[in-house]
Amino acid sequence: MKKTLLLIIPCFVLILAACKKDNADNKKVTTAATVIYGGEPAADGVGWYIKLQDSSAVHPNNLPETFTQTPTARQLVKVTFEYTGEKYKTGMMVGDGIPVVKIYSIEKQ
């Protein structure tokens, strides 16, 4: 009985380790999009956000400064990002907020 148990436990641990997926590339999204300034967050605006091709919006947590120089311009970009699981919400925003993303690459189109 002890020998069987000693054999089963390591096999169980190996099976659990083999089932674990840790490939971050599966979560990355690359798409054309538009960088937009949605107003000052202190005045209930949303700040900088990215409108995706499907018209949904995401909030970048690391938008490079080169994209924040002209608040009135809409900038067409190609962006690669990953959802963080967090939501961005300001005072007057209705609903749960917009998904926060981490940008891996972004370039003007």
C-alpha atoms as a PDB file:
ATOM      1  CA  MET A   1       0.000   0.000   0.000  1.00  0.00           C
ATOM      2  CA  LYS A   2       2.832   2.410   0.874  1.00  0.00           C
ATOM      3  CA  LYS A   3       4.617   1.673  -2.403  1.00  0.00           C
ATOM      4  CA  THR A   4       1.467   2.354  -4.395  1.00  0.00           C
ATOM      5  CA  LEU A   5       0.896   5.624  -2.563  1.00  0.00           C
ATOM      6  CA  LEU A   6       4.516   6.673  -3.113  1.00  0.00           C
ATOM      7  CA  LEU A   7       4.070   6.030  -6.819  1.00  0.00           C
ATOM      8  CA  ILE A   8       0.692   7.748  -7.155  1.00  0.00           C
ATOM      9  CA  ILE A   9       1.676  11.039  -5.474  1.00  0.00           C
ATOM     10  CA  PRO A  10       4.590  11.904  -7.832  1.00  0.00           C
ATOM     11  CA  CYS A  11       2.463  10.920 -10.856  1.00  0.00           C
ATOM     12  CA  PHE A  12      -0.331  13.217  -9.662  1.00  0.00           C
ATOM     13  CA  VAL A  13       2.132  16.107  -9.207  1.00  0.00           C
ATOM     14  CA  LEU A  14       3.539  15.552 -12.712  1.00  0.00           C
ATOM     15  CA  ILE A  15       0.061  15.531 -14.230  1.00  0.00           C
ATOM     16  CA  LEU A  16      -0.824  18.823 -12.530  1.00  0.00           C
ATOM     17  CA  ALA A  17       2.428  20.431 -13.665  1.00  0.00           C
ATOM     18  CA  ALA A  18       1.906  19.271 -17.253  1.00  0.00           C
ATOM     19  CA  CYS A  19      -1.588  20.804 -17.404  1.00  0.00           C
ATOM     20  CA  LYS A  20      -0.467  24.286 -16.406  1.00  0.00           C
ATOM     21  CA  LYS A  21      -0.437  26.770 -19.301  1.00  0.00           C
ATOM     22  CA  ASP A  22       1.838  29.770 -18.965  1.00  0.00           C
ATOM     23  CA  ASN A  23       2.064  31.204 -22.461  1.00  0.00           C
ATOM     24  CA  ALA A  24       1.540  34.983 -22.346  1.00  0.00           C
ATOM     25  CA  ASP A  25       1.511  35.231 -26.158  1.00  0.00           C
ATOM     26  CA  ASN A  26      -1.937  33.610 -26.190  1.00  0.00           C
ATOM     27  CA  LYS A  27      -3.305  36.676 -24.394  1.00  0.00           C
ATOM     28  CA  LYS A  28      -1.762  39.356 -26.622  1.00  0.00           C
ATOM     29  CA  VAL A  29      -3.979  41.151 -29.126  1.00  0.00           C
ATOM     30  CA  THR A  30      -2.723  43.069 -32.175  1.00  0.00           C
ATOM     31  CA  THR A  31      -5.134  45.376 -33.988  1.00  0.00           C
ATOM     32  CA  ALA A  32      -5.592  48.692 -35.725  1.00  0.00           C
ATOM     33  CA  ALA A  33      -7.073  51.284 -33.380  1.00  0.00           C
ATOM     34  CA  THR A  34      -7.440  54.983 -32.599  1.00  0.00           C
ATOM     35  CA  VAL A  35      -5.871  56.784 -29.627  1.00  0.00           C
ATOM     36  CA  ILE A  36      -8.358  59.349 -28.299  1.00  0.00           C
ATOM     37  CA  TYR A  37      -8.355  61.888 -25.475  1.00  0.00           C
ATOM     38  CA  GLY A  38     -11.676  61.696 -23.646  1.00  0.00           C
ATOM     39  CA  GLY A  39     -11.256  64.694 -21.375  1.00  0.00           C
ATOM     40  CA  GLU A  40      -9.622  65.369 -18.037  1.00  0.00           C
ATOM     41  CA  PRO A  41     -10.400  62.601 -15.497  1.00  0.00           C
ATOM     42  CA  ALA A  42     -10.623  65.225 -12.724  1.00  0.00           C
ATOM     43  CA  ALA A  43     -13.564  66.729 -14.644  1.00  0.00           C
ATOM     44  CA  ASP A  44     -15.233  63.318 -15.161  1.00  0.00           C
ATOM     45  CA  GLY A  45     -13.504  62.647 -18.488  1.00  0.00           C
ATOM     46  CA  VAL A  46     -11.866  59.304 -19.232  1.00  0.00           C
ATOM     47  CA  GLY A  47      -8.399  60.596 -20.125  1.00  0.00           C
ATOM     48  CA  TRP A  48      -6.545  58.738 -22.859  1.00  0.00           C
ATOM     49  CA  TYR A  49      -8.182  55.617 -24.232  1.00  0.00           C
ATOM     50  CA  ILE A  50      -7.924  53.401 -27.285  1.00  0.00           C
ATOM     51  CA  LYS A  51     -10.917  52.708 -29.528  1.00  0.00           C
ATOM     52  CA  LEU A  52     -10.520  49.304 -31.162  1.00  0.00           C
ATOM     53  CA  GLN A  53     -11.741  48.246 -34.613  1.00  0.00           C
ATOM     54  CA  ASP A  54     -14.868  46.676 -33.106  1.00  0.00           C
ATOM     55  CA  SER A  55     -15.723  50.076 -31.514  1.00  0.00           C
ATOM     56  CA  SER A  56     -14.980  48.853 -27.998  1.00  0.00           C
ATOM     57  CA  ALA A  57     -12.695  50.953 -25.802  1.00  0.00           C
ATOM     58  CA  VAL A  58      -9.730  50.050 -23.598  1.00  0.00           C
ATOM     59  CA  HIS A  59      -7.701  52.157 -21.177  1.00  0.00           C
ATOM     60  CA  PRO A  60      -3.894  51.822 -21.565  1.00  0.00           C
ATOM     61  CA  ASN A  61      -1.932  51.793 -18.310  1.00  0.00           C
ATOM     62  CA  ASN A  62       1.342  52.576 -20.104  1.00  0.00           C
ATOM     63  CA  LEU A  63       0.591  54.774 -23.138  1.00  0.00           C
ATOM     64  CA  PRO A  64       3.895  56.302 -24.348  1.00  0.00           C
ATOM     65  CA  GLU A  65       4.200  60.091 -23.984  1.00  0.00           C
ATOM     66  CA  THR A  66       4.630  60.528 -27.736  1.00  0.00           C
ATOM     67  CA  PHE A  67       0.919  59.700 -28.109  1.00  0.00           C
ATOM     68  CA  THR A  68      -0.247  62.195 -25.473  1.00  0.00           C
ATOM     69  CA  GLN A  69       1.173  65.415 -26.945  1.00  0.00           C
ATOM     70  CA  THR A  70      -1.954  66.639 -28.806  1.00  0.00           C
ATOM     71  CA  PRO A  71      -5.175  66.033 -26.882  1.00  0.00           C
ATOM     72  CA  THR A  72      -7.429  67.155 -29.744  1.00  0.00           C
ATOM     73  CA  ALA A  73      -5.984  64.818 -32.380  1.00  0.00           C
ATOM     74  CA  ARG A  74      -7.198  61.286 -32.991  1.00  0.00           C
ATOM     75  CA  GLN A  75      -4.233  59.098 -33.858  1.00  0.00           C
ATOM     76  CA  LEU A  76      -4.563  55.961 -35.961  1.00  0.00           C
ATOM     77  CA  VAL A  77      -2.259  53.249 -34.611  1.00  0.00           C
ATOM     78  CA  LYS A  78      -1.385  49.587 -34.741  1.00  0.00           C
ATOM     79  CA  VAL A  79      -1.216  48.303 -31.172  1.00  0.00           C
ATOM     80  CA  THR A  80      -0.313  45.057 -29.434  1.00  0.00           C
ATOM     81  CA  PHE A  81      -1.673  44.751 -25.909  1.00  0.00           C
ATOM     82  CA  GLU A  82      -2.828  42.394 -23.189  1.00  0.00           C
ATOM     83  CA  TYR A  83      -5.854  42.732 -20.914  1.00  0.00           C
ATOM     84  CA  THR A  84      -4.866  43.163 -17.245  1.00  0.00           C
ATOM     85  CA  GLY A  85      -8.186  42.059 -15.763  1.00  0.00           C
ATOM     86  CA  GLU A  86      -8.695  45.486 -14.160  1.00  0.00           C
ATOM     87  CA  LYS A  87     -11.379  48.059 -15.018  1.00  0.00           C
ATOM     88  CA  TYR A  88     -10.887  51.837 -15.334  1.00  0.00           C
ATOM     89  CA  LYS A  89     -13.729  53.980 -14.065  1.00  0.00           C
ATOM     90  CA  THR A  90     -14.159  57.698 -13.439  1.00  0.00           C
ATOM     91  CA  GLY A  91     -16.818  59.583 -11.485  1.00  0.00           C
ATOM     92  CA  MET A  92     -19.653  59.923 -13.991  1.00  0.00           C
ATOM     93  CA  MET A  93     -18.965  56.720 -15.959  1.00  0.00           C
ATOM     94  CA  VAL A  94     -21.966  54.398 -16.116  1.00  0.00           C
ATOM     95  CA  GLY A  95     -21.422  50.651 -15.789  1.00  0.00           C
ATOM     96  CA  ASP A  96     -18.380  48.657 -14.749  1.00  0.00           C
ATOM     97  CA  GLY A  97     -15.805  50.829 -16.521  1.00  0.00           C
ATOM     98  CA  ILE A  98     -13.550  49.987 -19.427  1.00  0.00           C
ATOM     99  CA  PRO A  99     -10.919  47.235 -19.485  1.00  0.00           C
ATOM    100  CA  VAL A 100      -7.348  48.235 -18.658  1.00  0.00           C
ATOM    101  CA  VAL A 101      -4.610  46.993 -20.994  1.00  0.00           C
ATOM    102  CA  LYS A 102      -0.829  46.796 -20.931  1.00  0.00           C
ATOM    103  CA  ILE A 103       0.685  47.957 -24.231  1.00  0.00           C
ATOM    104  CA  TYR A 104       3.544  45.888 -25.650  1.00  0.00           C
ATOM    105  CA  SER A 105       3.964  47.866 -28.887  1.00  0.00           C
ATOM    106  CA  ILE A 106       2.238  50.777 -30.548  1.00  0.00           C
ATOM    107  CA  GLU A 107       3.052  52.608 -33.768  1.00  0.00           C
ATOM    108  CA  LYS A 108       1.394  55.354 -35.772  1.00  0.00           C
ATOM    109  CA  GLN A 109      -0.322  54.336 -39.014  1.00  0.00           C
END
